[in-house]
C-alpha cells in the first residue's frame, strides 16, 4: 500500500458472477490497497446496505465496482436508486466504476450520463486497472 501512497480503501464489488467476484477480490487484495473488500451478488442488497448506513460514513465504501447486467436489479436500476436515495444523503464521495463485459458505445454513453459514475471499465478487472483507479482518485499529494 505504501507504494501507491494511499490509505486503505473499503471496496465493494456488485456483480452476480460469484466466480468473478472471488477472482476480483483476490486481484484487489494482491494490489494491497484495500482495508476490506465486500462482495454483493445482488445489487438490491448493496443498495439496502448503503441506505442503512447513510449516517455512518465509516461503513460506506470508497470505491464500488458495479456490473451492468444482473438479475432482479441491474446496474442501471441500481444507479437510478442510488442517485435518488443515497447520493444526495451522504457527504462522502464514493467512486463508482461500471465494470462490464459490454463494450457497446450505447452502454458507455449511458454510464457517462450518470454524474455518480466516475469510470467505465471493461472486464476483467486487473491489477493495472485497480492501480490506475487508485492513483487517479486516491493518490495522496
C-alpha atoms as a PDB file:
ATOM      1  CA  UNK A   1       0.000   0.000   0.000  1.00  0.00           C
ATOM      2  CA  UNK A   2       2.839   2.382   0.717  1.00  0.00           C
ATOM      3  CA  UNK A   3       3.992   2.109  -2.901  1.00  0.00           C
ATOM      4  CA  UNK A   4       0.851   3.862  -4.101  1.00  0.00           C
ATOM      5  CA  UNK A   5       0.755   6.295  -1.192  1.00  0.00           C
ATOM      6  CA  UNK A   6      -2.925   5.784  -0.368  1.00  0.00           C
ATOM      7  CA  UNK A   7      -4.882   4.950   2.722  1.00  0.00           C
ATOM      8  CA  UNK A   8      -6.531   1.538   2.959  1.00  0.00           C
ATOM      9  CA  UNK A   9      -9.761   1.575   0.967  1.00  0.00           C
ATOM     10  CA  UNK A  10     -13.132  -0.035   1.526  1.00  0.00           C
ATOM     11  CA  UNK A  11     -14.110  -1.607  -1.776  1.00  0.00           C
ATOM     12  CA  UNK A  12     -17.448  -3.091  -2.852  1.00  0.00           C
ATOM     13  CA  UNK A  13     -17.962  -5.432  -5.801  1.00  0.00           C
ATOM     14  CA  UNK A  14     -21.570  -5.547  -7.001  1.00  0.00           C
ATOM     15  CA  UNK A  15     -21.785  -8.380  -9.515  1.00  0.00           C
ATOM     16  CA  UNK A  16     -23.890 -11.533  -9.729  1.00  0.00           C
ATOM     17  CA  UNK A  17     -20.983 -13.638 -11.034  1.00  0.00           C
ATOM     18  CA  UNK A  18     -19.593 -15.157  -7.838  1.00  0.00           C
ATOM     19  CA  UNK A  19     -16.588 -16.740  -9.578  1.00  0.00           C
ATOM     20  CA  UNK A  20     -15.568 -13.355 -10.993  1.00  0.00           C
ATOM     21  CA  UNK A  21     -16.125 -11.774  -7.587  1.00  0.00           C
ATOM     22  CA  UNK A  22     -13.789 -14.286  -5.988  1.00  0.00           C
ATOM     23  CA  UNK A  23     -11.098 -13.585  -8.601  1.00  0.00           C
ATOM     24  CA  UNK A  24     -11.580  -9.797  -8.423  1.00  0.00           C
ATOM     25  CA  UNK A  25     -11.312  -9.887  -4.635  1.00  0.00           C
ATOM     26  CA  UNK A  26      -8.002 -11.755  -4.917  1.00  0.00           C
ATOM     27  CA  UNK A  27      -6.713  -9.277  -7.522  1.00  0.00           C
ATOM     28  CA  UNK A  28      -7.698  -6.314  -5.325  1.00  0.00           C
ATOM     29  CA  UNK A  29      -6.053  -7.879  -2.285  1.00  0.00           C
ATOM     30  CA  UNK A  30      -2.870  -8.536  -4.287  1.00  0.00           C
ATOM     31  CA  UNK A  31      -2.590  -4.823  -5.129  1.00  0.00           C
ATOM     32  CA  UNK A  32      -2.627  -4.150  -1.369  1.00  0.00           C
ATOM     33  CA  UNK A  33      -4.818  -1.046  -1.343  1.00  0.00           C
ATOM     34  CA  UNK A  34      -7.839  -2.417   0.475  1.00  0.00           C
ATOM     35  CA  UNK A  35      -8.826  -2.362   4.093  1.00  0.00           C
ATOM     36  CA  UNK A  36     -11.761  -4.564   3.143  1.00  0.00           C
ATOM     37  CA  UNK A  37     -13.384  -5.971   0.030  1.00  0.00           C
ATOM     38  CA  UNK A  38     -17.055  -6.832   0.218  1.00  0.00           C
ATOM     39  CA  UNK A  39     -18.960  -8.720  -2.467  1.00  0.00           C
ATOM     40  CA  UNK A  40     -22.631  -8.227  -3.242  1.00  0.00           C
ATOM     41  CA  UNK A  41     -24.070 -10.720  -5.751  1.00  0.00           C
ATOM     42  CA  UNK A  42     -27.356  -8.757  -5.698  1.00  0.00           C
ATOM     43  CA  UNK A  43     -27.492  -5.019  -6.391  1.00  0.00           C
ATOM     44  CA  UNK A  44     -30.547  -4.601  -4.162  1.00  0.00           C
ATOM     45  CA  UNK A  45     -28.615  -5.986  -1.190  1.00  0.00           C
ATOM     46  CA  UNK A  46     -25.807  -3.487  -1.786  1.00  0.00           C
ATOM     47  CA  UNK A  47     -28.280  -0.625  -2.148  1.00  0.00           C
ATOM     48  CA  UNK A  48     -30.026  -1.622   1.088  1.00  0.00           C
ATOM     49  CA  UNK A  49     -26.679  -1.713   2.882  1.00  0.00           C
ATOM     50  CA  UNK A  50     -25.820   1.790   1.647  1.00  0.00           C
ATOM     51  CA  UNK A  51     -29.220   3.177   2.652  1.00  0.00           C
ATOM     52  CA  UNK A  52     -28.989   1.559   6.100  1.00  0.00           C
ATOM     53  CA  UNK A  53     -25.559   3.150   6.627  1.00  0.00           C
ATOM     54  CA  UNK A  54     -26.244   6.681   5.373  1.00  0.00           C
ATOM     55  CA  UNK A  55     -25.499   8.053   8.841  1.00  0.00           C
ATOM     56  CA  UNK A  56     -22.327   6.003   9.216  1.00  0.00           C
ATOM     57  CA  UNK A  57     -19.770   7.219   6.635  1.00  0.00           C
ATOM     58  CA  UNK A  58     -17.081   4.904   8.000  1.00  0.00           C
ATOM     59  CA  UNK A  59     -19.192   1.904   6.926  1.00  0.00           C
ATOM     60  CA  UNK A  60     -19.538   3.229   3.378  1.00  0.00           C
ATOM     61  CA  UNK A  61     -17.183   2.162   0.597  1.00  0.00           C
ATOM     62  CA  UNK A  62     -14.566   4.376  -1.002  1.00  0.00           C
ATOM     63  CA  UNK A  63     -14.754   2.522  -4.306  1.00  0.00           C
ATOM     64  CA  UNK A  64     -17.533   0.475  -5.924  1.00  0.00           C
ATOM     65  CA  UNK A  65     -17.211  -1.826  -8.917  1.00  0.00           C
ATOM     66  CA  UNK A  66     -20.696  -2.158 -10.418  1.00  0.00           C
ATOM     67  CA  UNK A  67     -21.722  -4.662 -13.084  1.00  0.00           C
ATOM     68  CA  UNK A  68     -24.435  -3.698 -15.579  1.00  0.00           C
ATOM     69  CA  UNK A  69     -26.151  -7.000 -16.333  1.00  0.00           C
ATOM     70  CA  UNK A  70     -27.559  -8.607 -13.209  1.00  0.00           C
ATOM     71  CA  UNK A  71     -30.898 -10.272 -12.480  1.00  0.00           C
ATOM     72  CA  UNK A  72     -33.668  -8.582 -10.453  1.00  0.00           C
ATOM     73  CA  UNK A  73     -31.919  -5.187 -10.203  1.00  0.00           C
ATOM     74  CA  UNK A  74     -29.376  -4.379 -12.900  1.00  0.00           C
ATOM     75  CA  UNK A  75     -26.625  -1.779 -12.709  1.00  0.00           C
ATOM     76  CA  UNK A  76     -28.786   0.924 -14.318  1.00  0.00           C
ATOM     77  CA  UNK A  77     -31.600   0.375 -11.834  1.00  0.00           C
ATOM     78  CA  UNK A  78     -29.067   0.448  -9.005  1.00  0.00           C
ATOM     79  CA  UNK A  79     -27.730   3.775 -10.271  1.00  0.00           C
ATOM     80  CA  UNK A  80     -31.230   5.245 -10.540  1.00  0.00           C
ATOM     81  CA  UNK A  81     -31.973   4.318  -6.921  1.00  0.00           C
ATOM     82  CA  UNK A  82     -28.501   5.346  -5.748  1.00  0.00           C
ATOM     83  CA  UNK A  83     -28.892   8.742  -7.449  1.00  0.00           C
ATOM     84  CA  UNK A  84     -32.182   9.369  -5.665  1.00  0.00           C
ATOM     85  CA  UNK A  85     -31.719   7.755  -2.260  1.00  0.00           C
ATOM     86  CA  UNK A  86     -28.005   7.571  -1.459  1.00  0.00           C
ATOM     87  CA  UNK A  87     -26.016  10.205  -3.307  1.00  0.00           C
ATOM     88  CA  UNK A  88     -27.997  13.244  -2.052  1.00  0.00           C
ATOM     89  CA  UNK A  89     -27.948  11.960   1.538  1.00  0.00           C
ATOM     90  CA  UNK A  90     -24.204  11.435   2.042  1.00  0.00           C
ATOM     91  CA  UNK A  91     -21.295  13.808   2.253  1.00  0.00           C
ATOM     92  CA  UNK A  92     -18.708  11.135   1.419  1.00  0.00           C
ATOM     93  CA  UNK A  93     -17.678  10.832  -2.225  1.00  0.00           C
ATOM     94  CA  UNK A  94     -17.913   7.223  -3.354  1.00  0.00           C
ATOM     95  CA  UNK A  95     -16.068   6.429  -6.588  1.00  0.00           C
ATOM     96  CA  UNK A  96     -18.289   4.257  -8.778  1.00  0.00           C
ATOM     97  CA  UNK A  97     -16.781   2.283 -11.638  1.00  0.00           C
ATOM     98  CA  UNK A  98     -19.036   0.478 -14.043  1.00  0.00           C
ATOM     99  CA  UNK A  99     -17.316  -2.857 -14.575  1.00  0.00           C
ATOM    100  CA  UNK A 100     -18.813  -4.538 -17.584  1.00  0.00           C
ATOM    101  CA  UNK A 101     -18.183  -7.011 -20.346  1.00  0.00           C
ATOM    102  CA  UNK A 102     -20.141  -4.662 -22.616  1.00  0.00           C
ATOM    103  CA  UNK A 103     -18.056  -2.566 -24.977  1.00  0.00           C
ATOM    104  CA  UNK A 104     -21.126  -1.099 -26.642  1.00  0.00           C
ATOM    105  CA  UNK A 105     -20.868   2.651 -27.140  1.00  0.00           C
ATOM    106  CA  UNK A 106     -24.526   2.888 -26.074  1.00  0.00           C
ATOM    107  CA  UNK A 107     -23.698   1.480 -22.607  1.00  0.00           C
ATOM    108  CA  UNK A 108     -20.612   3.670 -22.229  1.00  0.00           C
ATOM    109  CA  UNK A 109     -22.586   6.780 -23.216  1.00  0.00           C
ATOM    110  CA  UNK A 110     -25.405   5.838 -20.858  1.00  0.00           C
ATOM    111  CA  UNK A 111     -22.946   5.381 -17.978  1.00  0.00           C
ATOM    112  CA  UNK A 112     -21.436   8.782 -18.710  1.00  0.00           C
ATOM    113  CA  UNK A 113     -24.847  10.413 -18.228  1.00  0.00           C
ATOM    114  CA  UNK A 114     -24.778   9.486 -14.548  1.00  0.00           C
ATOM    115  CA  UNK A 115     -22.831  12.053 -12.550  1.00  0.00           C
ATOM    116  CA  UNK A 116     -22.286   9.349  -9.936  1.00  0.00           C
ATOM    117  CA  UNK A 117     -20.315   7.147 -12.371  1.00  0.00           C
ATOM    118  CA  UNK A 118     -16.644   8.050 -12.353  1.00  0.00           C
ATOM    119  CA  UNK A 119     -15.260   5.397 -14.705  1.00  0.00           C
ATOM    120  CA  UNK A 120     -16.382   2.739 -17.173  1.00  0.00           C
ATOM    121  CA  UNK A 121     -14.048  -0.243 -17.153  1.00  0.00           C
ATOM    122  CA  UNK A 122     -14.146  -3.320 -19.338  1.00  0.00           C
ATOM    123  CA  UNK A 123     -13.919  -6.711 -17.675  1.00  0.00           C
ATOM    124  CA  UNK A 124     -11.801  -8.367 -16.500  1.00  0.00           C
ATOM    125  CA  UNK A 125     -10.655  -6.305 -13.531  1.00  0.00           C
ATOM    126  CA  UNK A 126      -6.860  -6.370 -13.495  1.00  0.00           C
ATOM    127  CA  UNK A 127      -4.231  -5.111 -11.088  1.00  0.00           C
ATOM    128  CA  UNK A 128      -3.271  -2.460 -13.674  1.00  0.00           C
ATOM    129  CA  UNK A 129      -6.840  -1.137 -13.775  1.00  0.00           C
ATOM    130  CA  UNK A 130      -7.001  -1.055  -9.985  1.00  0.00           C
ATOM    131  CA  UNK A 131      -3.691   0.816  -9.772  1.00  0.00           C
ATOM    132  CA  UNK A 132      -4.933   3.310 -12.369  1.00  0.00           C
ATOM    133  CA  UNK A 133      -8.102   3.989 -10.355  1.00  0.00           C
ATOM    134  CA  UNK A 134      -6.266   4.259  -7.055  1.00  0.00           C
ATOM    135  CA  UNK A 135      -3.689   6.635  -8.492  1.00  0.00           C
ATOM    136  CA  UNK A 136      -6.366   8.754 -10.193  1.00  0.00           C
ATOM    137  CA  UNK A 137      -8.821   9.018  -7.299  1.00  0.00           C
ATOM    138  CA  UNK A 138      -6.985   8.215  -4.077  1.00  0.00           C
ATOM    139  CA  UNK A 139      -3.349   9.233  -4.552  1.00  0.00           C
ATOM    140  CA  UNK A 140      -2.156  11.444  -1.734  1.00  0.00           C
ATOM    141  CA  UNK A 141      -0.437  14.620  -2.843  1.00  0.00           C
END
